[in-house]
């Protein structure tokens, strides 16, 4: 968390210089089990005035985003398993029909 002075803290980071980033706040994205699955961060050209409010809001978004990413991965896993279990059944049905 850098509520102000990001460019001064990282003078060699060209992206921060180009974007004129003054503040940065990041939190972990976690799955329901608590494992980290990523990061959610915001950058601004202005300093963060109310760090506690900004962090609380970002954590709310991170909780929701983490749950949604986890749900999306779970659905994708279910679809993959479903395809794997269907393929042998179709093949067996073809063999039986002949």
C-alpha atoms as a PDB file:
ATOM      1  CA  UNK A   1       0.000   0.000   0.000  1.00  0.00           C
ATOM      2  CA  UNK A   2       1.328   3.385  -1.028  1.00  0.00           C
ATOM      3  CA  UNK A   3      -1.246   6.116  -0.348  1.00  0.00           C
ATOM      4  CA  UNK A   4       1.109   8.721  -1.853  1.00  0.00           C
ATOM      5  CA  UNK A   5       4.558   9.102  -3.370  1.00  0.00           C
ATOM      6  CA  UNK A   6       4.575   5.997  -5.573  1.00  0.00           C
ATOM      7  CA  UNK A   7       6.676   7.546  -8.351  1.00  0.00           C
ATOM      8  CA  UNK A   8       9.199   8.804  -5.803  1.00  0.00           C
ATOM      9  CA  UNK A   9       9.366   5.354  -4.154  1.00  0.00           C
ATOM     10  CA  UNK A  10       9.879   3.595  -7.521  1.00  0.00           C
ATOM     11  CA  UNK A  11      11.713   6.093  -9.748  1.00  0.00           C
ATOM     12  CA  UNK A  12      12.950   3.385 -12.150  1.00  0.00           C
ATOM     13  CA  UNK A  13       9.453   2.079 -12.922  1.00  0.00           C
ATOM     14  CA  UNK A  14       8.716   3.660 -16.289  1.00  0.00           C
ATOM     15  CA  UNK A  15       5.052   2.630 -16.319  1.00  0.00           C
ATOM     16  CA  UNK A  16       4.411   4.475 -13.049  1.00  0.00           C
ATOM     17  CA  UNK A  17       6.202   7.512 -14.449  1.00  0.00           C
ATOM     18  CA  UNK A  18       4.311   7.404 -17.759  1.00  0.00           C
ATOM     19  CA  UNK A  19       0.929   7.019 -16.030  1.00  0.00           C
ATOM     20  CA  UNK A  20       1.814   9.645 -13.402  1.00  0.00           C
ATOM     21  CA  UNK A  21       0.785   7.260 -10.610  1.00  0.00           C
ATOM     22  CA  UNK A  22       0.772   8.935  -7.192  1.00  0.00           C
ATOM     23  CA  UNK A  23      -0.940   6.231  -5.110  1.00  0.00           C
ATOM     24  CA  UNK A  24      -1.355   2.455  -5.172  1.00  0.00           C
ATOM     25  CA  UNK A  25      -3.450   0.065  -3.116  1.00  0.00           C
ATOM     26  CA  UNK A  26      -3.580  -3.696  -3.581  1.00  0.00           C
ATOM     27  CA  UNK A  27      -5.176  -6.635  -1.775  1.00  0.00           C
ATOM     28  CA  UNK A  28      -5.098 -10.403  -2.230  1.00  0.00           C
ATOM     29  CA  UNK A  29      -7.850 -12.277  -4.043  1.00  0.00           C
ATOM     30  CA  UNK A  30      -8.653 -15.455  -2.145  1.00  0.00           C
ATOM     31  CA  UNK A  31     -10.834 -18.475  -2.750  1.00  0.00           C
ATOM     32  CA  UNK A  32     -13.327 -19.533  -0.051  1.00  0.00           C
ATOM     33  CA  UNK A  33     -10.672 -21.813   1.511  1.00  0.00           C
ATOM     34  CA  UNK A  34      -8.413 -18.778   1.967  1.00  0.00           C
ATOM     35  CA  UNK A  35      -5.809 -19.669  -0.674  1.00  0.00           C
ATOM     36  CA  UNK A  36      -4.492 -16.738  -2.695  1.00  0.00           C
ATOM     37  CA  UNK A  37      -5.622 -16.805  -6.325  1.00  0.00           C
ATOM     38  CA  UNK A  38      -4.444 -13.363  -7.393  1.00  0.00           C
ATOM     39  CA  UNK A  39      -4.308  -9.667  -6.614  1.00  0.00           C
ATOM     40  CA  UNK A  40      -6.640  -6.733  -7.068  1.00  0.00           C
ATOM     41  CA  UNK A  41      -5.008  -3.318  -7.182  1.00  0.00           C
ATOM     42  CA  UNK A  42      -5.853   0.265  -8.009  1.00  0.00           C
ATOM     43  CA  UNK A  43      -3.590   3.136  -8.984  1.00  0.00           C
ATOM     44  CA  UNK A  44      -4.437   6.822  -9.067  1.00  0.00           C
ATOM     45  CA  UNK A  45      -2.836  10.099 -10.065  1.00  0.00           C
ATOM     46  CA  UNK A  46      -4.042  11.583  -6.780  1.00  0.00           C
ATOM     47  CA  UNK A  47      -3.024  10.531  -3.267  1.00  0.00           C
ATOM     48  CA  UNK A  48      -5.446   8.381  -1.287  1.00  0.00           C
ATOM     49  CA  UNK A  49      -6.963  10.635   1.346  1.00  0.00           C
ATOM     50  CA  UNK A  50      -8.919   8.086   3.379  1.00  0.00           C
ATOM     51  CA  UNK A  51      -6.780   4.950   3.309  1.00  0.00           C
ATOM     52  CA  UNK A  52      -9.061   2.993   5.663  1.00  0.00           C
ATOM     53  CA  UNK A  53     -12.140   3.606   3.525  1.00  0.00           C
ATOM     54  CA  UNK A  54     -10.279   2.865   0.287  1.00  0.00           C
ATOM     55  CA  UNK A  55      -8.889  -0.386   1.689  1.00  0.00           C
ATOM     56  CA  UNK A  56     -12.285  -1.455   3.072  1.00  0.00           C
ATOM     57  CA  UNK A  57     -13.931  -0.843  -0.291  1.00  0.00           C
ATOM     58  CA  UNK A  58     -11.181  -2.637  -2.190  1.00  0.00           C
ATOM     59  CA  UNK A  59     -11.470  -5.631   0.156  1.00  0.00           C
ATOM     60  CA  UNK A  60     -15.214  -5.820  -0.552  1.00  0.00           C
ATOM     61  CA  UNK A  61     -14.538  -5.885  -4.281  1.00  0.00           C
ATOM     62  CA  UNK A  62     -11.703  -8.381  -3.801  1.00  0.00           C
ATOM     63  CA  UNK A  63     -13.931 -10.746  -1.803  1.00  0.00           C
ATOM     64  CA  UNK A  64     -16.573 -10.666  -4.527  1.00  0.00           C
ATOM     65  CA  UNK A  65     -14.043 -10.954  -7.353  1.00  0.00           C
ATOM     66  CA  UNK A  66     -12.289 -13.874  -5.636  1.00  0.00           C
ATOM     67  CA  UNK A  67     -15.590 -15.697  -5.161  1.00  0.00           C
ATOM     68  CA  UNK A  68     -16.543 -15.100  -8.800  1.00  0.00           C
ATOM     69  CA  UNK A  69     -13.176 -16.297 -10.123  1.00  0.00           C
ATOM     70  CA  UNK A  70     -13.416 -19.382  -7.903  1.00  0.00           C
ATOM     71  CA  UNK A  71     -16.980 -20.069  -9.116  1.00  0.00           C
ATOM     72  CA  UNK A  72     -15.910 -19.660 -12.738  1.00  0.00           C
ATOM     73  CA  UNK A  73     -13.022 -22.106 -12.257  1.00  0.00           C
ATOM     74  CA  UNK A  74     -15.319 -24.608 -10.513  1.00  0.00           C
ATOM     75  CA  UNK A  75     -17.839 -24.463 -13.377  1.00  0.00           C
ATOM     76  CA  UNK A  76     -15.049 -24.939 -15.928  1.00  0.00           C
ATOM     77  CA  UNK A  77     -13.759 -27.952 -13.963  1.00  0.00           C
ATOM     78  CA  UNK A  78     -17.258 -29.480 -13.862  1.00  0.00           C
ATOM     79  CA  UNK A  79     -17.656 -29.035 -17.619  1.00  0.00           C
ATOM     80  CA  UNK A  80     -14.294 -30.691 -18.275  1.00  0.00           C
ATOM     81  CA  UNK A  81     -15.199 -33.649 -16.053  1.00  0.00           C
ATOM     82  CA  UNK A  82     -18.598 -33.930 -17.685  1.00  0.00           C
ATOM     83  CA  UNK A  83     -17.012 -34.047 -21.158  1.00  0.00           C
ATOM     84  CA  UNK A  84     -14.575 -36.745 -20.021  1.00  0.00           C
ATOM     85  CA  UNK A  85     -17.330 -38.929 -18.600  1.00  0.00           C
ATOM     86  CA  UNK A  86     -19.613 -38.469 -21.607  1.00  0.00           C
ATOM     87  CA  UNK A  87     -17.022 -39.408 -24.231  1.00  0.00           C
ATOM     88  CA  UNK A  88     -16.616 -43.053 -23.095  1.00  0.00           C
ATOM     89  CA  UNK A  89     -20.412 -43.459 -22.872  1.00  0.00           C
ATOM     90  CA  UNK A  90     -20.915 -42.302 -26.460  1.00  0.00           C
ATOM     91  CA  UNK A  91     -18.164 -44.632 -27.625  1.00  0.00           C
ATOM     92  CA  UNK A  92     -19.678 -47.557 -25.710  1.00  0.00           C
ATOM     93  CA  UNK A  93     -23.097 -46.800 -27.182  1.00  0.00           C
ATOM     94  CA  UNK A  94     -21.627 -46.855 -30.670  1.00  0.00           C
ATOM     95  CA  UNK A  95     -20.009 -50.229 -30.070  1.00  0.00           C
ATOM     96  CA  UNK A  96     -23.197 -51.736 -28.634  1.00  0.00           C
ATOM     97  CA  UNK A  97     -25.330 -50.450 -31.518  1.00  0.00           C
ATOM     98  CA  UNK A  98     -23.146 -52.158 -34.130  1.00  0.00           C
END
